[in-house]
Structures are given as structure tokens and as C-alpha cells.
Amino acid sequence: VQRIVDGLFRGDEMAVADAPSDGRDHAENAAAGG
């Protein structure tokens, strides 16, 4: 079970690493008002 859990966390970390470096492109979708 621990090996499975560790594998899932490693997968999550890889997904974050593959995401845009700072995520600021998401901010372009913010609604008007700030």
C-alpha cells in the first residue's frame, strides 16, 4: 500500500512539474473587477 501511495504522490509531482512554470496564464481568465 505504501508503494502505491508513494507512486501516486510521485505522479502528482510530475504533473505539477509539467504544468506552466508559474501558473500565471490562469490569471488571464479572471473576471473583470480585479
Full PDB file with SEQRES, HELIX, SHEET, SSBOND, CRYST1, ORIGX, SCALE, CONECT and MASTER records, all heavy atoms in Angstrom:
SEQRES   1 A   34  VAL GLN ARG ILE VAL ASP GLY LEU PHE ARG GLY ASP GLU          
SEQRES   2 A   34  MET ALA VAL ALA ASP ALA PRO SER ASP GLY ARG ASP HIS          
SEQRES   3 A   34  ALA GLU ASN ALA ALA ALA GLY GLY                              
HELIX    1 AA1 GLN A    2  ASP A   18  1                                  17    
HELIX    2 AA2 ARG A   24  ASN A   29  5                                   6    
CRYST1    1.000    1.000    1.000  90.00  90.00  90.00 P 1           1          
ORIGX1      1.000000  0.000000  0.000000        0.00000                         
ORIGX2      0.000000  1.000000  0.000000        0.00000                         
ORIGX3      0.000000  0.000000  1.000000        0.00000                         
SCALE1      1.000000  0.000000  0.000000        0.00000                         
SCALE2      0.000000  1.000000  0.000000        0.00000                         
SCALE3      0.000000  0.000000  1.000000        0.00000                         
ATOM      1  N   VAL A   1       0.830  -1.200   0.000  1.00  0.00           N  
ATOM      2  CA  VAL A   1       0.000   0.000   0.000  1.00  0.00           C  
ATOM      3  C   VAL A   1       0.863   1.248   0.000  1.00  0.00           C  
ATOM      4  O   VAL A   1       0.598   2.219  -0.703  1.00  0.00           O  
ATOM      5  CB  VAL A   1      -0.951   0.002   1.218  1.00  0.00           C  
ATOM      6  CG1 VAL A   1      -1.659   1.345   1.349  1.00  0.00           C  
ATOM      7  CG2 VAL A   1      -1.972  -1.121   1.086  1.00  0.00           C  
ATOM      8  N   GLN A   2       1.939   1.237   0.797  1.00  0.00           N  
ATOM      9  CA  GLN A   2       2.820   2.402   0.856  1.00  0.00           C  
ATOM     10  C   GLN A   2       3.469   2.663  -0.496  1.00  0.00           C  
ATOM     11  O   GLN A   2       3.611   3.823  -0.914  1.00  0.00           O  
ATOM     12  CB  GLN A   2       3.905   2.177   1.917  1.00  0.00           C  
ATOM     13  CG  GLN A   2       4.771   3.407   2.178  1.00  0.00           C  
ATOM     14  CD  GLN A   2       3.970   4.579   2.671  1.00  0.00           C  
ATOM     15  OE1 GLN A   2       3.249   4.462   3.660  1.00  0.00           O  
ATOM     16  NE2 GLN A   2       4.059   5.713   2.005  1.00  0.00           N  
ATOM     17  N   ARG A   3       3.854   1.591  -1.206  1.00  0.00           N  
ATOM     18  CA  ARG A   3       4.454   1.775  -2.533  1.00  0.00           C  
ATOM     19  C   ARG A   3       3.456   2.398  -3.500  1.00  0.00           C  
ATOM     20  O   ARG A   3       3.808   3.241  -4.321  1.00  0.00           O  
ATOM     21  CB  ARG A   3       4.939   0.425  -3.079  1.00  0.00           C  
ATOM     22  CG  ARG A   3       6.215  -0.094  -2.417  1.00  0.00           C  
ATOM     23  CD  ARG A   3       6.857  -1.210  -3.224  1.00  0.00           C  
ATOM     24  NE  ARG A   3       5.991  -2.378  -3.326  1.00  0.00           N  
ATOM     25  CZ  ARG A   3       5.977  -3.372  -2.455  1.00  0.00           C  
ATOM     26  NH1 ARG A   3       6.769  -3.326  -1.387  1.00  0.00           N  
ATOM     27  NH2 ARG A   3       5.172  -4.394  -2.612  1.00  0.00           N  
ATOM     28  N   ILE A   4       2.197   1.984  -3.403  1.00  0.00           N  
ATOM     29  CA  ILE A   4       1.158   2.555  -4.270  1.00  0.00           C  
ATOM     30  C   ILE A   4       0.966   4.032  -3.972  1.00  0.00           C  
ATOM     31  O   ILE A   4       0.904   4.872  -4.869  1.00  0.00           O  
ATOM     32  CB  ILE A   4      -0.169   1.792  -4.092  1.00  0.00           C  
ATOM     33  CG1 ILE A   4      -0.023   0.353  -4.602  1.00  0.00           C  
ATOM     34  CG2 ILE A   4      -1.304   2.506  -4.821  1.00  0.00           C  
ATOM     35  CD1 ILE A   4      -1.215  -0.534  -4.291  1.00  0.00           C  
ATOM     36  N   VAL A   5       0.880   4.370  -2.671  1.00  0.00           N  
ATOM     37  CA  VAL A   5       0.693   5.771  -2.282  1.00  0.00           C  
ATOM     38  C   VAL A   5       1.873   6.614  -2.728  1.00  0.00           C  
ATOM     39  O   VAL A   5       1.712   7.711  -3.268  1.00  0.00           O  
ATOM     40  CB  VAL A   5       0.501   5.881  -0.751  1.00  0.00           C  
ATOM     41  CG1 VAL A   5       0.522   7.343  -0.308  1.00  0.00           C  
ATOM     42  CG2 VAL A   5      -0.807   5.232  -0.338  1.00  0.00           C  
ATOM     43  N   ASP A   6       3.080   6.112  -2.524  1.00  0.00           N  
ATOM     44  CA  ASP A   6       4.267   6.852  -2.948  1.00  0.00           C  
ATOM     45  C   ASP A   6       4.259   7.087  -4.444  1.00  0.00           C  
ATOM     46  O   ASP A   6       4.643   8.159  -4.931  1.00  0.00           O  
ATOM     47  CB  ASP A   6       5.530   6.080  -2.563  1.00  0.00           C  
ATOM     48  CG  ASP A   6       5.772   6.088  -1.061  1.00  0.00           C  
ATOM     49  OD1 ASP A   6       5.167   6.932  -0.373  1.00  0.00           O  
ATOM     50  OD2 ASP A   6       6.569   5.251  -0.597  1.00  0.00           O  
ATOM     51  N   GLY A   7       3.795   6.091  -5.189  1.00  0.00           N  
ATOM     52  CA  GLY A   7       3.731   6.243  -6.643  1.00  0.00           C  
ATOM     53  C   GLY A   7       2.737   7.307  -7.060  1.00  0.00           C  
ATOM     54  O   GLY A   7       2.986   8.079  -7.984  1.00  0.00           O  
ATOM     55  N   LEU A   8       1.600   7.379  -6.340  1.00  0.00           N  
ATOM     56  CA  LEU A   8       0.609   8.405  -6.654  1.00  0.00           C  
ATOM     57  C   LEU A   8       1.156   9.789  -6.394  1.00  0.00           C  
ATOM     58  O   LEU A   8       0.957  10.718  -7.178  1.00  0.00           O  
ATOM     59  CB  LEU A   8      -0.657   8.176  -5.811  1.00  0.00           C  
ATOM     60  CG  LEU A   8      -1.497   6.945  -6.172  1.00  0.00           C  
ATOM     61  CD1 LEU A   8      -2.610   6.757  -5.155  1.00  0.00           C  
ATOM     62  CD2 LEU A   8      -2.087   7.090  -7.575  1.00  0.00           C  
ATOM     63  N   PHE A   9       1.892   9.966  -5.280  1.00  0.00           N  
ATOM     64  CA  PHE A   9       2.453  11.283  -4.977  1.00  0.00           C  
ATOM     65  C   PHE A   9       3.508  11.667  -5.999  1.00  0.00           C  
ATOM     66  O   PHE A   9       3.608  12.819  -6.396  1.00  0.00           O  
ATOM     67  CB  PHE A   9       3.049  11.307  -3.569  1.00  0.00           C  
ATOM     68  CG  PHE A   9       2.037  11.627  -2.519  1.00  0.00           C  
ATOM     69  CD1 PHE A   9       1.635  10.677  -1.598  1.00  0.00           C  
ATOM     70  CD2 PHE A   9       1.467  12.880  -2.458  1.00  0.00           C  
ATOM     71  CE1 PHE A   9       0.689  10.976  -0.642  1.00  0.00           C  
ATOM     72  CE2 PHE A   9       0.516  13.191  -1.494  1.00  0.00           C  
ATOM     73  CZ  PHE A   9       0.134  12.235  -0.594  1.00  0.00           C  
ATOM     74  N   ARG A  10       4.303  10.678  -6.436  1.00  0.00           N  
ATOM     75  CA  ARG A  10       5.300  10.984  -7.465  1.00  0.00           C  
ATOM     76  C   ARG A  10       4.618  11.415  -8.750  1.00  0.00           C  
ATOM     77  O   ARG A  10       5.077  12.313  -9.447  1.00  0.00           O  
ATOM     78  CB  ARG A  10       6.195   9.765  -7.706  1.00  0.00           C  
ATOM     79  CG  ARG A  10       7.265   9.568  -6.633  1.00  0.00           C  
ATOM     80  CD  ARG A  10       8.338   8.617  -7.106  1.00  0.00           C  
ATOM     81  NE  ARG A  10       7.801   7.282  -7.330  1.00  0.00           N  
ATOM     82  CZ  ARG A  10       7.732   6.353  -6.386  1.00  0.00           C  
ATOM     83  NH1 ARG A  10       8.135   6.619  -5.159  1.00  0.00           N  
ATOM     84  NH2 ARG A  10       7.249   5.160  -6.662  1.00  0.00           N  
ATOM     85  N   GLY A  11       3.489  10.777  -9.051  1.00  0.00           N  
ATOM     86  CA  GLY A  11       2.755  11.163 -10.247  1.00  0.00           C  
ATOM     87  C   GLY A  11       2.220  12.569 -10.156  1.00  0.00           C  
ATOM     88  O   GLY A  11       2.244  13.332 -11.112  1.00  0.00           O  
ATOM     89  N   ASP A  12       1.729  12.948  -8.948  1.00  0.00           N  
ATOM     90  CA  ASP A  12       1.234  14.310  -8.749  1.00  0.00           C  
ATOM     91  C   ASP A  12       2.342  15.323  -8.913  1.00  0.00           C  
ATOM     92  O   ASP A  12       2.165  16.384  -9.508  1.00  0.00           O  
ATOM     93  CB  ASP A  12       0.624  14.447  -7.348  1.00  0.00           C  
ATOM     94  CG  ASP A  12      -0.716  13.738  -7.243  1.00  0.00           C  
ATOM     95  OD1 ASP A  12      -1.314  13.450  -8.297  1.00  0.00           O  
ATOM     96  OD2 ASP A  12      -1.145  13.487  -6.108  1.00  0.00           O  
ATOM     97  N   GLU A  13       3.533  15.000  -8.399  1.00  0.00           N  
ATOM     98  CA  GLU A  13       4.649  15.929  -8.504  1.00  0.00           C  
ATOM     99  C   GLU A  13       5.062  16.109  -9.963  1.00  0.00           C  
ATOM    100  O   GLU A  13       5.403  17.202 -10.395  1.00  0.00           O  
ATOM    101  CB  GLU A  13       5.825  15.419  -7.684  1.00  0.00           C  
ATOM    102  CG  GLU A  13       5.600  15.537  -6.182  1.00  0.00           C  
ATOM    103  CD  GLU A  13       6.792  15.035  -5.391  1.00  0.00           C  
ATOM    104  OE1 GLU A  13       7.375  14.004  -5.796  1.00  0.00           O  
ATOM    105  OE2 GLU A  13       7.134  15.681  -4.399  1.00  0.00           O  
ATOM    106  N   MET A  14       5.017  15.005 -10.733  1.00  0.00           N  
ATOM    107  CA  MET A  14       5.358  15.103 -12.148  1.00  0.00           C  
ATOM    108  C   MET A  14       4.351  15.970 -12.879  1.00  0.00           C  
ATOM    109  O   MET A  14       4.698  16.751 -13.764  1.00  0.00           O  
ATOM    110  CB  MET A  14       5.412  13.701 -12.771  1.00  0.00           C  
ATOM    111  CG  MET A  14       6.595  12.866 -12.277  1.00  0.00           C  
ATOM    112  SD  MET A  14       6.552  11.191 -12.925  1.00  0.00           S  
ATOM    113  CE  MET A  14       6.759  11.511 -14.662  1.00  0.00           C  
ATOM    114  N   ALA A  15       3.066  15.858 -12.500  1.00  0.00           N  
ATOM    115  CA  ALA A  15       2.035  16.663 -13.147  1.00  0.00           C  
ATOM    116  C   ALA A  15       2.259  18.135 -12.868  1.00  0.00           C  
ATOM    117  O   ALA A  15       2.098  18.983 -13.748  1.00  0.00           O  
ATOM    118  CB  ALA A  15       0.642  16.239 -12.650  1.00  0.00           C  
ATOM    119  N   VAL A  16       2.638  18.458 -11.626  1.00  0.00           N  
ATOM    120  CA  VAL A  16       2.919  19.850 -11.296  1.00  0.00           C  
ATOM    121  C   VAL A  16       4.126  20.349 -12.065  1.00  0.00           C  
ATOM    122  O   VAL A  16       4.172  21.468 -12.551  1.00  0.00           O  
ATOM    123  CB  VAL A  16       3.150  20.000  -9.772  1.00  0.00           C  
ATOM    124  CG1 VAL A  16       3.659  21.391  -9.443  1.00  0.00           C  
ATOM    125  CG2 VAL A  16       1.863  19.719  -9.024  1.00  0.00           C  
ATOM    126  N   ALA A  17       5.150  19.482 -12.190  1.00  0.00           N  
ATOM    127  CA  ALA A  17       6.356  19.885 -12.906  1.00  0.00           C  
ATOM    128  C   ALA A  17       6.067  20.146 -14.376  1.00  0.00           C  
ATOM    129  O   ALA A  17       6.697  20.994 -15.010  1.00  0.00           O  
ATOM    130  CB  ALA A  17       7.420  18.793 -12.771  1.00  0.00           C  
ATOM    131  N   ASP A  18       5.095  19.419 -14.948  1.00  0.00           N  
ATOM    132  CA  ASP A  18       4.766  19.585 -16.360  1.00  0.00           C  
ATOM    133  C   ASP A  18       3.854  20.775 -16.606  1.00  0.00           C  
ATOM    134  O   ASP A  18       3.656  21.187 -17.739  1.00  0.00           O  
ATOM    135  CB  ASP A  18       4.065  18.320 -16.896  1.00  0.00           C  
ATOM    136  CG  ASP A  18       5.028  17.145 -16.964  1.00  0.00           C  
ATOM    137  OD1 ASP A  18       6.253  17.399 -17.012  1.00  0.00           O  
ATOM    138  OD2 ASP A  18       4.560  15.992 -16.958  1.00  0.00           O  
ATOM    139  N   ALA A  19       3.273  21.323 -15.534  1.00  0.00           N  
ATOM    140  CA  ALA A  19       2.382  22.475 -15.670  1.00  0.00           C  
ATOM    141  C   ALA A  19       3.194  23.723 -15.981  1.00  0.00           C  
ATOM    142  O   ALA A  19       4.414  23.734 -15.831  1.00  0.00           O  
ATOM    143  CB  ALA A  19       1.586  22.669 -14.386  1.00  0.00           C  
ATOM    144  N   PRO A  20       2.544  24.822 -16.462  1.00  0.00           N  
ATOM    145  CA  PRO A  20       3.256  26.072 -16.703  1.00  0.00           C  
ATOM    146  C   PRO A  20       4.036  26.472 -15.462  1.00  0.00           C  
ATOM    147  O   PRO A  20       3.566  26.304 -14.335  1.00  0.00           O  
ATOM    148  CB  PRO A  20       2.127  27.072 -16.993  1.00  0.00           C  
ATOM    149  CG  PRO A  20       1.023  26.223 -17.535  1.00  0.00           C  
ATOM    150  CD  PRO A  20       1.125  24.914 -16.790  1.00  0.00           C  
ATOM    151  N   SER A  21       5.224  27.034 -15.646  1.00  0.00           N  
ATOM    152  CA  SER A  21       6.160  27.232 -14.552  1.00  0.00           C  
ATOM    153  C   SER A  21       5.592  28.027 -13.403  1.00  0.00           C  
ATOM    154  O   SER A  21       5.917  27.796 -12.259  1.00  0.00           O  
ATOM    155  CB  SER A  21       7.422  27.924 -15.066  1.00  0.00           C  
ATOM    156  OG  SER A  21       7.114  29.210 -15.581  1.00  0.00           O  
ATOM    157  N   ASP A  22       4.739  28.992 -13.639  1.00  0.00           N  
ATOM    158  CA  ASP A  22       4.218  29.764 -12.518  1.00  0.00           C  
ATOM    159  C   ASP A  22       2.694  29.840 -12.489  1.00  0.00           C  
ATOM    160  O   ASP A  22       2.120  30.424 -11.584  1.00  0.00           O  
ATOM    161  CB  ASP A  22       4.789  31.192 -12.535  1.00  0.00           C  
ATOM    162  CG  ASP A  22       4.480  31.938 -13.812  1.00  0.00           C  
ATOM    163  OD1 ASP A  22       3.604  31.494 -14.574  1.00  0.00           O  
ATOM    164  OD2 ASP A  22       5.104  32.965 -14.038  1.00  0.00           O  
ATOM    165  N   GLY A  23       2.037  29.298 -13.474  1.00  0.00           N  
ATOM    166  CA  GLY A  23       0.582  29.254 -13.458  1.00  0.00           C  
ATOM    167  C   GLY A  23      -0.073  30.587 -13.715  1.00  0.00           C  
ATOM    168  O   GLY A  23      -1.279  30.725 -13.595  1.00  0.00           O  
ATOM    169  N   ARG A  24       0.681  31.616 -14.084  1.00  0.00           N  
ATOM    170  CA  ARG A  24       0.092  32.938 -14.216  1.00  0.00           C  
ATOM    171  C   ARG A  24      -0.825  33.056 -15.434  1.00  0.00           C  
ATOM    172  O   ARG A  24      -1.613  33.982 -15.530  1.00  0.00           O  
ATOM    173  CB  ARG A  24       1.214  33.989 -14.302  1.00  0.00           C  
ATOM    174  CG  ARG A  24       2.013  34.062 -13.009  1.00  0.00           C  
ATOM    175  CD  ARG A  24       3.127  35.063 -13.107  1.00  0.00           C  
ATOM    176  NE  ARG A  24       4.009  34.919 -11.956  1.00  0.00           N  
ATOM    177  CZ  ARG A  24       5.121  35.611 -11.791  1.00  0.00           C  
ATOM    178  NH1 ARG A  24       5.494  36.495 -12.694  1.00  0.00           N  
ATOM    179  NH2 ARG A  24       5.871  35.437 -10.733  1.00  0.00           N  
ATOM    180  N   ASP A  25      -0.736  32.116 -16.375  1.00  0.00           N  
ATOM    181  CA  ASP A  25      -1.634  32.173 -17.516  1.00  0.00           C  
ATOM    182  C   ASP A  25      -3.081  31.984 -17.080  1.00  0.00           C  
ATOM    183  O   ASP A  25      -4.000  32.446 -17.726  1.00  0.00           O  
ATOM    184  CB  ASP A  25      -1.252  31.116 -18.561  1.00  0.00           C  
ATOM    185  CG  ASP A  25      -1.266  29.716 -17.990  1.00  0.00           C  
ATOM    186  OD1 ASP A  25      -0.921  29.546 -16.801  1.00  0.00           O  
ATOM    187  OD2 ASP A  25      -1.603  28.794 -18.739  1.00  0.00           O  
ATOM    188  N   HIS A  26      -3.288  31.297 -15.938  1.00  0.00           N  
ATOM    189  CA  HIS A  26      -4.649  31.111 -15.442  1.00  0.00           C  
ATOM    190  C   HIS A  26      -5.276  32.451 -15.075  1.00  0.00           C  
ATOM    191  O   HIS A  26      -6.492  32.608 -15.137  1.00  0.00           O  
ATOM    192  CB  HIS A  26      -4.633  30.214 -14.202  1.00  0.00           C  
ATOM    193  CG  HIS A  26      -4.251  28.803 -14.506  1.00  0.00           C  
ATOM    194  ND1 HIS A  26      -5.144  27.880 -14.981  1.00  0.00           N  
ATOM    195  CD2 HIS A  26      -3.063  28.160 -14.425  1.00  0.00           C  
ATOM    196  CE1 HIS A  26      -4.538  26.725 -15.163  1.00  0.00           C  
ATOM    197  NE2 HIS A  26      -3.277  26.869 -14.827  1.00  0.00           N  
ATOM    198  N   ALA A  27      -4.456  33.384 -14.664  1.00  0.00           N  
ATOM    199  CA  ALA A  27      -4.985  34.669 -14.217  1.00  0.00           C  
ATOM    200  C   ALA A  27      -5.648  35.436 -15.350  1.00  0.00           C  
ATOM    201  O   ALA A  27      -6.471  36.312 -15.120  1.00  0.00           O  
ATOM    202  CB  ALA A  27      -3.856  35.523 -13.617  1.00  0.00           C  
ATOM    203  N   GLU A  28      -5.295  35.120 -16.593  1.00  0.00           N  
ATOM    204  CA  GLU A  28      -5.886  35.814 -17.731  1.00  0.00           C  
ATOM    205  C   GLU A  28      -7.382  35.545 -17.828  1.00  0.00           C  
ATOM    206  O   GLU A  28      -8.116  36.288 -18.473  1.00  0.00           O  
ATOM    207  CB  GLU A  28      -5.182  35.376 -19.024  1.00  0.00           C  
ATOM    208  CG  GLU A  28      -3.701  35.773 -19.049  1.00  0.00           C  
ATOM    209  CD  GLU A  28      -2.993  35.217 -20.273  1.00  0.00           C  
ATOM    210  OE1 GLU A  28      -3.677  34.545 -21.089  1.00  0.00           O  
ATOM    211  OE2 GLU A  28      -1.794  35.447 -20.424  1.00  0.00           O  
ATOM    212  N   ASN A  29      -7.820  34.456 -17.174  1.00  0.00           N  
ATOM    213  CA  ASN A  29      -9.239  34.118 -17.218  1.00  0.00           C  
ATOM    214  C   ASN A  29     -10.034  34.764 -16.091  1.00  0.00           C  
ATOM    215  O   ASN A  29     -11.232  34.527 -15.963  1.00  0.00           O  
ATOM    216  CB  ASN A  29      -9.408  32.591 -17.120  1.00  0.00           C  
ATOM    217  CG  ASN A  29      -8.801  31.892 -18.308  1.00  0.00           C  
ATOM    218  OD1 ASN A  29      -8.919  32.372 -19.429  1.00  0.00           O  
ATOM    219  ND2 ASN A  29      -8.153  30.761 -18.068  1.00  0.00           N  
ATOM    220  N   ALA A  30      -9.377  35.549 -15.261  1.00  0.00           N  
ATOM    221  CA  ALA A  30     -10.074  36.195 -14.146  1.00  0.00           C  
ATOM    222  C   ALA A  30     -11.111  37.162 -14.672  1.00  0.00           C  
ATOM    223  O   ALA A  30     -10.914  37.850 -15.662  1.00  0.00           O  
ATOM    224  CB  ALA A  30      -9.074  36.934 -13.255  1.00  0.00           C  
ATOM    225  N   ALA A  31     -12.226  37.206 -13.981  1.00  0.00           N  
ATOM    226  CA  ALA A  31     -13.298  38.100 -14.403  1.00  0.00           C  
ATOM    227  C   ALA A  31     -12.930  39.542 -14.104  1.00  0.00           C  
ATOM    228  O   ALA A  31     -12.062  39.830 -13.287  1.00  0.00           O  
ATOM    229  CB  ALA A  31     -14.593  37.737 -13.669  1.00  0.00           C  
ATOM    230  N   ALA A  32     -13.648  40.464 -14.769  1.00  0.00           N  
ATOM    231  CA  ALA A  32     -13.404  41.887 -14.541  1.00  0.00           C  
ATOM    232  C   ALA A  32     -13.705  42.221 -13.093  1.00  0.00           C  
ATOM    233  O   ALA A  32     -14.550  41.620 -12.466  1.00  0.00           O  
ATOM    234  CB  ALA A  32     -14.302  42.714 -15.456  1.00  0.00           C  
ATOM    235  N   GLY A  33     -13.018  43.226 -12.588  1.00  0.00           N  
ATOM    236  CA  GLY A  33     -13.229  43.617 -11.197  1.00  0.00           C  
ATOM    237  C   GLY A  33     -11.986  43.418 -10.372  1.00  0.00           C  
ATOM    238  O   GLY A  33     -12.003  43.584  -9.166  1.00  0.00           O  
ATOM    239  N   GLY A  34     -10.871  43.106 -10.980  1.00  0.00           N  
ATOM    240  CA  GLY A  34      -9.630  42.951 -10.243  1.00  0.00           C  
ATOM    241  C   GLY A  34      -8.808  41.821 -10.812  1.00  0.00           C  
ATOM    242  O   GLY A  34      -9.321  40.759 -11.104  1.00  0.00           O  
TER     243      GLY A  34                                                      
MASTER        0    0    0    2    0    0    0    6  242    1    0    3          
END                                                                             
